[in-house]
């Protein structure tokens, strides 16, 4: 919208209908079309006027595709809203670069009992004390209903009202910056939710072919795709510019079907860099991808897309399978100490290698001499790897505290950018289950039935799968903050704080260069050692004491290691971070 002397200029790209009118409050106004498919009308309006568009002869107004606010839900009228420039207090904020940082993923609806931005602000000091640098917020764009993971959004420019709307997001970002925390926002451009998507009525937003697992894809390279691409790019830049967000996590980019010479992701990287230069603060783009293709993070000068980083599920799978012993489904190729060592060395396990789960060769290797490890996110769990288990159980439910600590140490002491999932740091006992609140009964039933059928195919008992539509499924998934100071929860939290503190203190642990990383392991005894330029992380994944051929000053440990002259005795399910004596040094590579 543009404010002029003639009033508010309402505009919408709608090449499909023959006539478009705009209803502002209770009055309907004609709109004028230009050759490029845009309709415009200058109308006197209040700063908070409600409005919607009437297409052809339909008497029911529908929301603006670029609606800045949806106070009555995704089927209601849009509302004018501008981010209040006087509400910001972060003028001194200079940003937070990804390299060297640690991330904390959270879901606004379940991070607190209240499930709002305001309530989340009250917990930010916990994150500061924990020692993380960037908060990654799961999607907050408007979806139908009151509770959802966020990946069913349909109005990408609006902020979910049940969380606190756009003003709530502004206050949250400002509060993070005040505490020295950067903010990354999870955004979804590969599909739209099943309810409240009116885009097809305006124009060819959706692709005719190239559907993905969640429905029709977005028209990125077909006829009239230019305005659709602009719709996505303008949305991304709006979060970064207007809401002061420090970066975006791009959901499932492998589902973006783009046959253009310049891929949407490359174009986004170019425009984000331009905005970053203008704002004089770093802006970060992180992709979620199933492709194991380093092209995403390869610089544009070298033929890549130029994104800053990507989630790395192979690191998760290698850690999870080695520590938990689970080998079903997509874990089938993982689980050995060799696999864990290989993945820690080169970011991908499948790098032009056979994937039995996919039944084909998968991935492409990275150049470990020139690709920094901080471009890959390492995590022991995330919303998918918990929530997409049949009962949404966290590792706390099936791992000992010692193995939880070992897993954390491997992620936090690795050369990769570590990411925590909310509550992980104290071993939260609450699950994170898949939940929805589709108002349409048939859609709710279809979602629940489809989820049960999906897990039945993977060997889970369908009767164990919670109903996503049941409000209790949502309530069970809320963090229980009363656990934080209790017993083993408090001990695990202290361990996470010390690991993150050590990572900040010692340059050896943030060194991103993979060609200097060495790993020793023993498959039978199930120990592994990660050598980081004079700091060694020794981990015992077994339940028995083992002798590990490293020695040095113990800086941090879970368990009580006994350090000898040439080796260290590690109790079962424990880790130790050791500073290696310079005169002793490391032995030659002993990889088994």
Foldseek 3Di string as FASTA:
>chain_A
DDQDPLADKDKAQFQQFPFKWKQWAHDIGGWDADPLRMTIDHDHHDQWIWMFMDGDPRPQGAEGLQAQADQPALRGTGTHDAQDPVPAPLPVQQADDLQLFAEEEEEQQFQALQSALVVVLVCVVVVVLLQGAEYEYQAFATAGDQDASRQQHARLNWGHVSRPIPNSLLVNQRSCSVSNHAYEYEGEQFDHHPPNHPPVNRHQQFDPDLADPRGTGGPCADPPNVVNLVSVLVSQVCCCPRSVHQEYEYEACVSHDHPDPQDSLLVSLVVQVVVCVVVNHHHAYEYEYPAQECLQCDCVVVPRSNHQAYEQVQQLLQLCCQQQVDQFAQSVVHHFPVLNQVCLLFVHSQAQDDRPNVRGRGHHTDDLQPDFQQRYEHENDELCRQALPQQQFDVLVRHDLLSLLLSLLCRLQGLYHYYYYNPSQLSFGFGAYGADARVDVVVQVVVLVVSLVVVVVRPDHSVNRDRRNDVVNSSSNHTDVVSCCDDSSVVSNVSSSLSSVVSSVDPLRSGGRSVPWAKAADRVQQWIWIDRPQKIKIFGSAQAKDKAQAAAAWPDKDQDWDGDDGIIIDHHSMMTIHGHDPVVDDDPHPHD
